[in-house]
Amino acid sequence: MEERRIERRQKVLKAGKIVHSGQNCLYDCRVRDMTAHGARLRVEHGWQVPRNFNFIDTMRAKIQRPARVVWRAEEEVGIAFEDAA
């Protein structure tokens, strides 16, 4: 499989949240690896994660970042941050 990422992801294990529908719906997730441009999230029922949402890294001051799903696989989703430079 051809690598298409701009930079190599760093392995991490931290908590996150997926927020959508005007803050009304939250999914807890685990961040498995991350860069400034995206991340791989482990989330139960990954097929329920909406295409566009806000991601919260709960370890970093609960800042929300707009994100979109770029791939799905069972209980994982790959996301791209929409505000990445």
Protein backbone atom coordinates (compact mmCIF):
# COMPACT_ATOMS: atom_id res chain seq x y z
CA MET A 1 0.00 0.00 0.00
CA GLU A 2 1.36 3.39 -0.99
CA GLU A 3 2.00 5.87 1.82
CA ARG A 4 0.15 9.13 1.11
CA ARG A 5 0.63 11.01 4.37
CA ILE A 6 2.57 14.26 4.36
CA GLU A 7 4.43 13.27 7.52
CA ARG A 8 4.93 10.11 9.56
CA ARG A 9 2.43 9.70 12.38
CA GLN A 10 3.67 9.45 15.95
CA LYS A 11 2.30 6.61 18.05
CA VAL A 12 0.29 7.90 21.00
CA LEU A 13 -2.28 6.56 23.39
CA LYS A 14 -4.54 9.28 24.66
CA ALA A 15 -8.21 10.02 25.04
CA GLY A 16 -10.28 12.12 22.70
CA LYS A 17 -13.85 13.02 21.92
CA ILE A 18 -15.82 13.31 18.70
CA VAL A 19 -18.42 16.09 18.81
CA HIS A 20 -21.11 16.81 16.23
CA SER A 21 -24.67 18.06 15.84
CA GLY A 22 -24.06 21.34 17.61
CA GLN A 23 -22.37 19.80 20.66
CA ASN A 24 -25.30 17.42 21.21
CA CYS A 25 -23.60 14.14 20.34
CA LEU A 26 -20.31 12.91 21.80
CA TYR A 27 -18.30 9.76 21.11
CA ASP A 28 -15.33 8.81 23.26
CA CYS A 29 -12.30 7.59 21.35
CA ARG A 30 -8.65 6.62 21.79
CA VAL A 31 -6.03 8.32 19.67
CA ARG A 32 -3.60 5.69 18.36
CA ASP A 33 -1.35 7.90 16.26
CA MET A 34 -1.35 11.54 15.25
CA THR A 35 0.30 14.30 13.23
CA ALA A 36 -0.50 17.97 12.76
CA HIS A 37 -2.60 16.91 9.74
CA GLY A 38 -4.60 13.95 11.03
CA ALA A 39 -4.97 10.98 13.33
CA ARG A 40 -6.04 7.36 13.67
CA LEU A 41 -8.83 6.97 16.20
CA ARG A 42 -10.14 3.82 17.83
CA VAL A 43 -13.84 4.23 18.43
CA GLU A 44 -16.55 1.72 19.15
CA HIS A 45 -19.00 1.62 16.24
CA GLY A 46 -16.72 3.58 13.90
CA TRP A 47 -19.37 3.36 11.19
CA GLN A 48 -21.52 5.76 13.26
CA VAL A 49 -18.93 8.54 13.25
CA PRO A 50 -20.19 11.31 10.94
CA ARG A 51 -18.09 12.39 7.97
CA ASN A 52 -17.48 15.87 9.44
CA PHE A 53 -17.15 16.64 13.14
CA ASN A 54 -15.06 18.43 15.76
CA PHE A 55 -12.28 16.48 17.46
CA ILE A 56 -11.26 17.21 21.06
CA ASP A 57 -7.87 16.09 22.38
CA THR A 58 -8.82 15.89 26.06
CA MET A 59 -5.16 16.05 27.09
CA ARG A 60 -4.62 19.45 25.44
CA ALA A 61 -6.94 22.03 27.00
CA LYS A 62 -10.04 20.59 25.30
CA ILE A 63 -9.47 22.57 22.10
CA GLN A 64 -11.84 21.55 19.32
CA ARG A 65 -10.49 21.02 15.81
CA PRO A 66 -12.68 20.54 12.75
CA ALA A 67 -12.03 17.15 11.16
CA ARG A 68 -13.32 14.78 8.50
CA VAL A 69 -13.19 11.01 8.12
CA VAL A 70 -10.90 9.83 5.30
CA TRP A 71 -11.14 6.07 5.94
CA ARG A 72 -13.00 3.58 8.15
CA ALA A 73 -12.14 0.06 9.29
CA GLU A 74 -14.33 -1.71 11.86
CA GLU A 75 -13.49 0.10 15.12
CA GLU A 76 -11.02 2.62 13.72
CA VAL A 77 -11.27 5.76 11.64
CA GLY A 78 -8.60 7.84 9.97
CA ILE A 79 -9.22 11.56 10.13
CA ALA A 80 -7.80 14.69 8.54
CA PHE A 81 -7.86 17.97 10.40
CA GLU A 82 -9.53 20.70 8.36
CA ASP A 83 -7.51 23.45 10.05
CA ALA A 84 -4.09 21.88 9.34
CA ALA A 85 -1.61 24.16 7.63
